[in-house]
Protein backbone atom coordinates (compact mmCIF):
# COMPACT_ATOMS: atom_id res chain seq x y z
CA MET A 1 38.53 -32.89 15.06
CA PRO A 2 40.61 -30.02 15.24
CA ARG A 3 38.67 -26.92 14.23
CA ARG A 4 40.16 -24.44 11.43
CA LYS A 5 38.72 -21.27 10.34
CA PRO A 6 37.74 -22.10 6.86
CA THR A 7 38.68 -19.35 4.08
CA SER A 8 35.16 -20.24 2.35
CA THR A 9 33.09 -19.24 5.33
CA THR A 10 35.30 -16.03 5.72
CA GLN A 11 34.84 -14.48 2.22
CA LEU A 12 31.15 -14.73 3.13
CA PHE A 13 31.35 -12.14 5.51
CA THR A 14 33.92 -9.59 3.78
CA GLU A 15 32.82 -6.69 2.62
CA SER A 16 30.55 -7.29 -0.42
CA ASP A 17 31.07 -5.18 -3.79
CA ALA A 18 28.70 -2.90 -4.63
CA LEU A 19 26.67 -5.00 -7.19
CA LYS A 20 25.09 -7.15 -4.48
CA PRO A 21 22.10 -6.33 -3.60
CA LEU A 22 21.75 -4.68 0.08
CA ALA A 23 20.47 -7.62 1.60
CA GLU A 24 23.00 -9.49 0.68
CA ARG A 25 25.48 -6.69 1.57
CA ILE A 26 24.22 -6.48 4.74
CA ARG A 27 23.40 -9.55 5.78
CA PRO A 28 24.47 -10.35 9.56
CA ARG A 29 27.68 -11.55 10.79
CA THR A 30 27.05 -12.76 13.91
CA LEU A 31 24.01 -14.24 15.81
CA ASP A 32 23.54 -10.36 17.59
CA GLU A 33 22.49 -8.99 14.39
CA ILE A 34 19.67 -11.64 13.40
CA VAL A 35 16.65 -9.41 13.98
CA GLY A 36 13.39 -10.96 15.08
CA GLN A 37 14.26 -15.02 16.29
CA THR A 38 14.67 -13.83 20.00
CA ARG A 39 12.51 -16.95 21.04
CA LEU A 40 15.15 -19.29 18.78
CA LEU A 41 18.63 -17.02 19.29
CA GLY A 42 17.95 -14.81 22.69
CA PRO A 43 20.56 -14.80 25.28
CA GLY A 44 20.59 -18.15 26.99
CA LYS A 45 18.50 -20.13 24.70
CA PRO A 46 19.68 -23.19 23.95
CA LEU A 47 20.28 -23.22 20.37
CA ARG A 48 22.37 -19.96 20.98
CA ARG A 49 24.59 -21.35 23.65
CA ALA A 50 25.14 -24.70 21.39
CA ILE A 51 25.98 -22.29 18.13
CA GLU A 52 28.68 -20.22 20.37
CA ALA A 53 30.25 -23.45 21.88
CA GLY A 54 30.38 -25.28 18.10
CA HIS A 55 28.36 -28.12 19.41
CA VAL A 56 25.99 -27.63 16.36
CA HIS A 57 23.67 -30.26 15.22
CA SER A 58 21.70 -31.10 11.94
CA MET A 59 18.81 -29.38 11.84
CA VAL A 60 15.58 -28.19 9.81
CA LEU A 61 14.75 -24.75 9.51
CA TRP A 62 11.44 -23.99 9.16
CA GLY A 63 9.83 -20.53 8.42
CA PRO A 64 8.49 -17.79 6.10
CA PRO A 65 10.48 -15.98 3.80
CA GLY A 66 13.06 -13.84 5.00
CA CYS A 67 13.21 -14.79 8.66
CA GLY A 68 16.86 -15.45 8.49
CA LYS A 69 17.08 -18.81 7.66
CA THR A 70 20.11 -18.94 5.12
CA THR A 71 21.79 -15.96 7.21
CA LEU A 72 21.68 -18.75 10.12
CA ALA A 73 23.17 -21.50 8.49
CA LEU A 74 26.21 -19.45 7.87
CA LEU A 75 26.73 -18.48 10.69
CA LEU A 76 26.37 -22.04 11.96
CA ALA A 77 29.44 -22.94 9.67
CA LYS A 78 31.21 -19.89 10.96
CA TYR A 79 30.43 -20.24 14.71
CA ALA A 80 31.78 -24.05 13.85
CA ASP A 81 35.04 -23.39 11.98
CA ALA A 82 33.15 -25.13 8.79
CA GLU A 83 33.42 -25.58 5.41
CA PHE A 84 30.31 -23.99 4.10
CA ARG A 85 28.54 -25.57 1.19
CA ALA A 86 24.86 -23.83 -0.46
CA ILE A 87 22.40 -25.91 -2.56
CA SER A 88 19.02 -25.20 -3.61
CA ALA A 89 16.46 -27.67 -4.34
CA VAL A 90 14.81 -25.66 -6.98
CA LEU A 91 17.61 -25.53 -9.31
CA THR A 92 20.03 -28.56 -8.37
CA GLY A 93 19.32 -32.50 -8.84
CA LEU A 94 21.00 -35.56 -7.62
CA ALA A 95 24.02 -35.86 -9.61
CA ASP A 96 24.88 -31.95 -7.84
CA VAL A 97 23.92 -33.53 -4.18
CA ARG A 98 26.51 -36.36 -4.73
CA ALA A 99 28.94 -33.78 -6.07
CA ALA A 100 28.61 -31.96 -2.85
CA LEU A 101 28.32 -35.06 -0.46
CA ALA A 102 31.89 -36.06 -2.21
CA GLU A 103 33.36 -33.08 -1.32
CA ALA A 104 32.36 -33.57 2.35
CA GLU A 105 33.87 -36.31 2.26
CA VAL A 106 37.38 -35.04 1.09
CA ASN A 107 36.51 -32.29 4.02
CA PHE A 108 36.11 -35.24 6.30
CA ALA A 109 39.02 -36.82 5.32
CA GLN A 110 40.86 -34.14 5.79
CA ASP A 111 39.82 -33.53 9.66
CA ARG A 112 37.09 -30.59 8.15
CA ARG A 113 33.96 -30.43 8.89
CA SER A 114 31.30 -29.32 6.53
CA VAL A 115 28.04 -27.78 6.39
CA LEU A 116 25.56 -28.31 3.90
CA PHE A 117 23.29 -25.79 2.99
CA VAL A 118 20.00 -27.17 1.23
CA ASP A 119 17.24 -24.45 0.96
CA GLU A 120 13.67 -25.50 -0.23
CA VAL A 121 14.69 -28.61 0.94
CA HIS A 122 11.06 -29.58 0.67
CA ARG A 123 11.42 -29.65 -3.43
CA PHE A 124 13.42 -32.72 -2.98
CA ASN A 125 11.85 -35.78 -3.61
CA LYS A 126 12.71 -38.96 -1.23
CA ALA A 127 15.41 -40.77 -3.07
CA GLN A 128 17.63 -36.96 -3.38
CA GLN A 129 16.32 -36.91 0.34
CA ASP A 130 17.26 -40.26 1.20
CA ALA A 131 20.83 -39.52 -0.11
CA PHE A 132 21.74 -37.49 2.92
CA LEU A 133 21.16 -39.75 5.33
CA PRO A 134 24.31 -41.81 5.81
CA HIS A 135 26.67 -38.65 5.51
CA ILE A 136 24.24 -37.60 8.25
CA GLU A 137 25.01 -40.68 10.69
CA LYS A 138 28.55 -40.57 9.92
CA GLY A 139 28.64 -36.76 10.63
CA ILE A 140 30.16 -36.47 7.25
CA ILE A 141 28.18 -33.00 6.99
CA LEU A 142 26.39 -30.84 9.49
CA PHE A 143 22.81 -30.94 7.40
CA VAL A 144 20.71 -27.56 7.48
CA GLY A 145 17.83 -27.86 5.52
CA ALA A 146 15.92 -24.74 5.03
CA THR A 147 12.21 -24.83 4.10
CA THR A 148 8.94 -22.93 3.93
CA GLU A 149 6.63 -25.90 4.19
CA ASN A 150 5.35 -27.94 7.50
CA PRO A 151 8.15 -30.13 7.27
CA SER A 152 5.97 -32.82 9.10
CA PHE A 153 3.84 -32.89 5.65
CA GLU A 154 7.05 -32.44 3.11
CA LEU A 155 10.26 -34.30 4.33
CA ASN A 156 10.40 -38.11 5.21
CA SER A 157 10.25 -39.16 8.35
CA ALA A 158 13.71 -41.28 7.94
CA LEU A 159 15.68 -37.23 7.11
CA LEU A 160 13.41 -35.67 10.38
CA SER A 161 14.38 -38.44 12.83
CA ARG A 162 18.12 -37.30 12.19
CA CYS A 163 17.75 -33.65 12.60
CA ARG A 164 16.17 -30.93 15.09
CA VAL A 165 13.32 -29.27 13.49
CA HIS A 166 13.86 -25.40 15.01
CA VAL A 167 10.54 -23.30 13.82
CA MET A 168 11.42 -19.15 12.92
CA ASP A 169 8.89 -16.87 13.09
CA ALA A 170 8.16 -13.93 10.71
CA VAL A 171 10.34 -10.89 11.77
CA PRO A 172 8.08 -8.23 13.58
CA ALA A 173 7.78 -4.69 12.13
CA ASP A 174 9.53 -3.28 14.72
CA ALA A 175 12.55 -5.45 14.52
CA ILE A 176 12.43 -5.14 10.71
CA VAL A 177 13.04 -1.68 11.38
CA ASP A 178 15.78 -2.15 13.60
CA ALA A 179 17.21 -3.85 10.43
CA LEU A 180 16.65 -1.30 8.08
CA LYS A 181 18.33 1.50 10.94
CA ARG A 182 21.39 -0.65 10.76
CA ALA A 183 21.37 -0.59 6.96
CA LEU A 184 21.24 2.79 6.77
CA GLY A 185 23.93 3.65 9.53
CA ASP A 186 26.15 1.31 8.08
CA SER A 187 28.53 3.25 5.47
CA LYS A 188 30.51 0.34 4.88
CA ARG A 189 28.30 -2.40 3.78
CA GLY A 190 24.95 -0.39 3.78
CA LEU A 191 23.50 2.86 2.42
CA GLY A 192 25.17 5.13 5.61
CA ALA A 193 27.37 6.78 2.63
CA LEU A 194 24.53 7.67 0.77
CA GLY A 195 23.34 10.43 3.28
CA LEU A 196 19.67 9.62 2.76
CA SER A 197 16.89 11.44 5.12
CA VAL A 198 14.09 8.66 6.25
CA GLY A 199 11.57 9.36 9.07
CA ALA A 200 10.66 7.15 11.35
CA GLU A 201 6.93 7.20 9.57
CA ALA A 202 8.83 5.80 6.48
CA LEU A 203 10.38 3.23 7.81
CA ALA A 204 7.66 2.33 9.73
CA LEU A 205 5.51 1.83 6.14
CA ILE A 206 8.81 0.03 4.40
CA ALA A 207 8.74 -2.77 7.63
CA GLN A 208 4.93 -3.02 7.67
CA ALA A 209 4.74 -3.40 3.69
CA ALA A 210 7.61 -6.05 3.93
CA ASP A 211 4.83 -8.57 5.84
CA GLY A 212 7.93 -9.91 8.26
CA ASP A 213 10.42 -10.65 5.13
CA VAL A 214 13.55 -8.69 6.42
CA ARG A 215 14.95 -9.14 2.87
CA ARG A 216 11.82 -7.62 1.38
CA ALA A 217 12.36 -5.22 3.67
CA LEU A 218 16.05 -4.51 2.60
CA THR A 219 15.14 -4.46 -1.25
CA LEU A 220 12.22 -1.95 -0.95
CA LEU A 221 14.49 0.18 0.98
CA GLU A 222 17.47 -0.21 -1.42
CA ILE A 223 14.84 0.83 -4.41
CA ALA A 224 13.49 3.92 -2.34
CA ALA A 225 16.84 5.26 -2.19
CA ASP A 226 17.59 4.69 -5.68
CA VAL A 227 14.02 6.65 -7.16
CA ALA A 228 14.75 9.01 -4.01
CA LYS A 229 15.22 12.85 -4.81
CA ASP A 230 17.88 14.68 -3.22
CA GLY A 231 18.14 11.98 -1.16
CA LEU A 232 15.04 12.37 0.35
CA ILE A 233 12.62 9.30 1.04
CA ASP A 234 8.82 10.27 1.90
CA GLU A 235 5.54 9.27 1.57
CA THR A 236 5.47 10.65 -2.32
CA THR A 237 8.32 7.94 -2.73
CA LEU A 238 7.05 5.43 -1.05
CA ALA A 239 4.06 5.50 -2.42
CA GLN A 240 5.90 4.40 -5.54
CA VAL A 241 7.83 1.91 -4.08
CA LEU A 242 5.28 0.02 -2.18
CA ALA A 243 2.04 0.68 -5.27
CA ASP A 244 2.49 -3.11 -5.65
CA ARG A 245 3.06 -5.23 -2.40
CA THR A 246 1.08 -8.32 -1.50
CA ARG A 247 0.61 -10.27 1.53
CA ARG A 248 2.10 -13.80 2.13
CA PHE A 249 -0.19 -16.24 0.70
CA ASP A 250 0.73 -19.62 -0.63
CA LYS A 251 -1.88 -21.06 -2.93
CA GLY A 252 -0.79 -24.88 -1.84
CA GLY A 253 0.97 -24.48 1.13
CA GLU A 254 1.30 -24.42 4.75
CA GLN A 255 -0.51 -20.84 4.69
CA PHE A 256 -3.33 -21.48 2.38
CA TYR A 257 -4.58 -24.24 4.73
CA ASP A 258 -3.78 -22.30 7.94
CA GLN A 259 -5.95 -19.59 6.51
CA ILE A 260 -8.75 -21.55 5.46
CA SER A 261 -8.48 -23.62 8.81
CA ALA A 262 -9.11 -20.14 10.13
CA LEU A 263 -11.82 -18.80 8.37
CA HIS A 264 -13.82 -21.77 8.78
CA LYS A 265 -13.23 -21.67 12.57
CA SER A 266 -14.42 -18.10 12.41
CA VAL A 267 -17.63 -18.98 11.07
CA ARG A 268 -18.25 -22.16 13.37
CA SER A 269 -17.94 -19.73 16.39
CA SER A 270 -20.24 -17.02 14.62
CA ASP A 271 -17.54 -14.28 14.87
CA VAL A 272 -18.43 -12.17 11.85
CA ASP A 273 -15.35 -9.65 11.94
CA ALA A 274 -12.64 -12.47 12.01
CA ALA A 275 -14.78 -14.53 9.10
CA LEU A 276 -14.72 -11.46 6.73
CA TYR A 277 -10.95 -10.58 7.53
CA TRP A 278 -9.66 -13.99 6.63
CA CYS A 279 -12.05 -13.94 3.44
CA MET A 280 -10.69 -10.98 2.66
CA ARG A 281 -7.14 -12.02 3.48
CA MET A 282 -7.52 -15.41 0.90
CA LEU A 283 -8.79 -13.03 -1.46
CA ASP A 284 -6.28 -10.46 -0.86
CA GLY A 285 -3.27 -13.27 -1.67
CA GLY A 286 -4.75 -14.60 -4.79
CA VAL A 287 -6.66 -17.54 -4.13
CA ASP A 288 -8.59 -19.34 -6.71
CA PRO A 289 -12.34 -17.91 -5.93
CA ALA A 290 -14.20 -20.64 -6.84
CA TYR A 291 -11.99 -22.79 -4.24
CA LEU A 292 -13.55 -20.27 -1.68
CA ALA A 293 -16.82 -20.64 -2.70
CA ARG A 294 -16.44 -24.33 -2.52
CA ARG A 295 -15.18 -23.94 1.04
CA LEU A 296 -17.94 -21.98 1.82
CA THR A 297 -20.09 -24.48 0.62
CA ARG A 298 -18.99 -27.16 2.60
CA MET A 299 -19.58 -24.81 5.88
CA ALA A 300 -22.87 -23.96 5.10
CA ILE A 301 -23.61 -27.71 5.30
CA GLU A 302 -21.44 -28.84 7.95
CA ASP A 303 -21.70 -26.52 10.35
CA ILE A 304 -24.93 -24.76 9.96
CA GLY A 305 -27.34 -27.57 8.45
CA LEU A 306 -31.06 -27.20 8.72
CA ALA A 307 -30.62 -24.88 11.91
CA ASP A 308 -30.28 -22.17 8.91
CA PRO A 309 -31.23 -23.95 5.55
CA ARG A 310 -30.74 -20.89 3.95
CA ALA A 311 -27.01 -20.91 4.26
CA LEU A 312 -26.86 -22.99 2.08
CA GLN A 313 -28.86 -21.19 -0.63
CA PHE A 314 -27.24 -18.28 -0.08
CA ALA A 315 -23.12 -19.75 -0.37
CA LEU A 316 -25.01 -21.06 -3.73
CA GLU A 317 -25.80 -17.61 -5.11
CA ALA A 318 -22.55 -15.79 -3.32
CA TRP A 319 -21.21 -18.83 -5.77
CA ASP A 320 -23.12 -17.86 -8.76
CA THR A 321 -22.95 -14.39 -8.20
CA PHE A 322 -18.99 -14.40 -8.27
CA GLU A 323 -19.03 -16.86 -11.65
CA ARG A 324 -21.62 -13.54 -13.25
CA LEU A 325 -19.67 -10.59 -12.15
CA GLY A 326 -16.22 -12.07 -11.76
CA SER A 327 -13.19 -10.41 -9.87
CA PRO A 328 -13.60 -7.81 -8.05
CA GLU A 329 -17.25 -7.20 -8.18
CA GLY A 330 -18.37 -10.99 -7.59
CA GLU A 331 -15.58 -10.95 -4.31
CA LEU A 332 -18.37 -9.09 -2.19
CA ALA A 333 -20.93 -11.64 -2.70
CA LEU A 334 -18.65 -14.42 -1.46
CA ALA A 335 -17.54 -11.83 1.38
CA GLU A 336 -21.25 -11.53 2.20
CA ALA A 337 -21.67 -15.33 2.59
CA ALA A 338 -18.89 -15.33 4.71
CA MET A 339 -20.57 -13.29 7.11
CA TYR A 340 -23.97 -14.55 6.69
CA LEU A 341 -22.63 -17.98 7.86
CA ALA A 342 -20.72 -16.67 10.70
CA ILE A 343 -24.12 -14.96 12.06
CA ALA A 344 -26.04 -18.11 11.19
CA ALA A 345 -27.68 -19.83 13.91
CA LYS A 346 -25.02 -23.67 13.52
CA SER A 347 -25.72 -26.67 14.16
CA ASN A 348 -23.80 -30.08 12.53
CA ALA A 349 -26.62 -32.52 13.58
CA ALA A 350 -27.20 -33.48 10.17
CA TYR A 351 -23.40 -33.68 9.57
CA ALA A 352 -23.21 -35.74 12.66
CA ALA A 353 -26.27 -38.14 11.74
CA PHE A 354 -24.96 -38.63 8.74
CA GLY A 355 -21.31 -39.85 9.46
CA GLU A 356 -22.91 -41.83 12.02
CA VAL A 357 -25.25 -43.52 9.49
CA ARG A 358 -22.25 -44.16 7.08
CA SER A 359 -20.59 -45.60 9.72
CA VAL A 360 -23.79 -47.95 10.22
CA ILE A 361 -23.48 -48.69 6.76
CA HIS A 362 -20.04 -49.88 7.35
CA ASP A 363 -20.46 -51.69 10.19
CA THR A 364 -23.58 -53.62 9.44
CA GLY A 365 -23.39 -54.17 5.46
CA THR A 366 -26.37 -55.44 3.24
CA LEU A 367 -29.30 -55.49 5.52
CA ASP A 368 -32.63 -56.25 3.98
CA VAL A 369 -34.99 -53.62 3.67
CA PRO A 370 -38.70 -54.79 4.93
CA LEU A 371 -40.85 -56.73 3.35
CA HIS A 372 -43.66 -53.96 3.41
CA LEU A 373 -41.33 -51.09 1.92
CA ARG A 374 -40.36 -53.14 -0.86
CA ASN A 375 -41.72 -52.90 -4.75
CA ALA A 376 -44.17 -54.96 -5.92
CA PRO A 377 -44.32 -54.41 -10.08
CA THR A 378 -44.74 -58.37 -10.87
CA LYS A 379 -47.23 -61.04 -9.25
CA LEU A 380 -44.17 -63.31 -8.09
CA MET A 381 -42.71 -60.60 -5.80
CA LYS A 382 -46.49 -59.82 -4.59
CA GLY A 383 -46.73 -63.80 -3.94
CA LEU A 384 -43.64 -63.59 -1.66
CA GLY A 385 -44.83 -60.45 0.15
CA TYR A 386 -43.59 -57.55 -1.08
CA GLY A 387 -45.07 -54.30 -0.19
CA ARG A 388 -48.24 -56.53 1.85
CA ASP A 389 -49.21 -54.59 4.75
CA TYR A 390 -47.53 -50.77 3.43
CA GLN A 391 -49.65 -48.03 5.30
CA TYR A 392 -50.23 -45.02 2.96
CA ASP A 393 -49.48 -42.45 5.39
CA HIS A 394 -51.38 -40.12 3.13
CA ASN A 395 -54.47 -42.31 4.42
CA ILE A 396 -53.76 -42.29 8.27
CA GLU A 397 -55.12 -40.07 10.30
CA GLY A 398 -52.44 -37.16 11.14
CA GLY A 399 -50.64 -38.27 8.16
CA ILE A 400 -48.41 -40.68 9.52
CA ALA A 401 -48.57 -44.35 10.21
CA LEU A 402 -47.18 -44.43 13.74
CA ASP A 403 -46.51 -48.11 14.22
CA GLN A 404 -45.00 -48.63 10.59
CA GLN A 405 -41.13 -49.85 10.94
CA CYS A 406 -39.21 -48.15 7.83
CA LEU A 407 -35.64 -49.15 8.92
CA PRO A 408 -34.00 -52.68 8.71
CA ASP A 409 -35.43 -55.18 12.18
CA VAL A 410 -31.91 -54.72 12.95
CA LEU A 411 -31.69 -51.38 13.44
CA ALA A 412 -35.13 -51.00 14.45
CA GLY A 413 -36.04 -47.91 16.80
CA ARG A 414 -32.07 -46.63 16.48
CA GLU A 415 -32.46 -42.49 16.24
CA PHE A 416 -29.41 -41.17 14.01
CA TYR A 417 -30.91 -37.22 14.06
CA ALA A 418 -30.69 -34.93 17.34
CA PRO A 419 -31.38 -31.36 16.01
CA THR A 420 -30.30 -28.49 18.64
CA GLU A 421 -32.19 -25.82 20.16
CA ARG A 422 -30.73 -23.61 17.71
CA GLY A 423 -32.30 -21.47 14.79
CA LEU A 424 -34.78 -23.92 12.33
CA GLU A 425 -33.40 -26.53 14.35
CA ALA A 426 -35.62 -25.77 17.46
CA LYS A 427 -38.75 -26.27 15.54
CA ILE A 428 -37.38 -29.49 13.66
CA ARG A 429 -36.51 -31.22 17.59
CA GLU A 430 -40.07 -29.83 18.75
CA LYS A 431 -41.70 -31.77 15.56
CA LEU A 432 -39.22 -34.93 15.96
CA GLN A 433 -39.51 -35.47 19.40
CA SER A 434 -43.53 -35.18 19.30
CA ILE A 435 -43.59 -37.99 15.91
CA ARG A 436 -40.97 -40.31 18.00
CA SER A 437 -43.04 -39.97 21.23
CA ALA A 438 -46.16 -40.68 19.51
CA ARG A 439 -44.72 -43.63 17.66
CA ALA A 440 -42.45 -44.46 21.05
CA ALA A 441 -46.43 -45.02 22.53
CA VAL A 442 -48.08 -46.70 19.84
CA LEU A 443 -45.68 -49.45 19.52
CA LYS A 444 -45.77 -49.76 23.32
CA LYS A 445 -49.52 -50.32 22.99
CA LYS A 446 -49.21 -52.71 20.53
CA GLY A 447 -46.34 -54.48 22.05
CA GLU A 448 -48.68 -54.90 25.36
CA GLY A 449 -51.70 -55.73 23.16
CA ALA A 450 -49.49 -58.66 21.51
């Protein structure tokens, strides 16, 4: 198929008019201008070699906002001499998808390649995603989907099987500084003609506030340039511009689950500093405090259990305290709960026993209650042996009827709970071993007597 430099793609990389935002005007025009993606696009990397050779393939670009997904899609079309068409899953429906595909079919019939860029592709439903499949298979389109969500959760397996997933990273602060410097030094597309005075510390503050998002950093720089007095972007200017910055956090997406996972595992690892950090990161990002309180309570049950029963009470009281005080005062109670849970002795013995018993019940079905443990409120039941030979433990010397079987017959002697030697469970373990040893001895003696 002959390759032709498309007019539409070329236009995307000419000088932009002054009405466009800085992030759009200064958008990279070559792979070398993309910052922070060395792992994927550095010299000699497989994807870069393929792009530069024009041998591009359908792909899904997975990464946080502002990491360069749209820019890379544009460059794919440029290097492949292909027509570029972009649609957004937020703004378009199936009719728009079909129109874009019909346009690609016309191009294909005229020996022209088409790159179809689908932003926020994870927002398309199954039917919309399936519409791309035959066109990808026939080579009518080079499909490029962009998503901030984990593709394995959000995209159809059929679509994933036809695309290569490339993971793009959040852009590090030093790379963002490089992008800011390029914008400041470019007189045609950037801010070079304004004669701005910006120190290294100010650039570092903007890069840090951008939180891995180059587009956000450029927007902050542009705002700072607009409000700067006499072209000086100093601490006073940045205090105004950066006053309302927030960290990246998706209340229902990948980062949400990554961060709650990090919190849970930090508590489990008894890393109090990490537990406090992730707890505050989630609160800072706007997590529902009630959700956080529920998860802290779950940690107390699952990972601490009977090693420190106070942990459950601490978590519940922190939850109640937040309900009474609200935000921000009540957030301290949740943070203290996370710290206490991290410091507390750990044991999943009760959790493991719970799971094992549930599995046994599933496998063994409805086992009969031993006759001597059954309730006998009627003469008929008593006549059938209900409650016969039951030993009332309080009337037994030592307070335990050691030879009394309480499990169903097929499970007699089965041990589910294995307490650890940590925290209060060390004492529970000692007590339990004493009871189990005494019971085994009595049953053995009883068996020998029989």
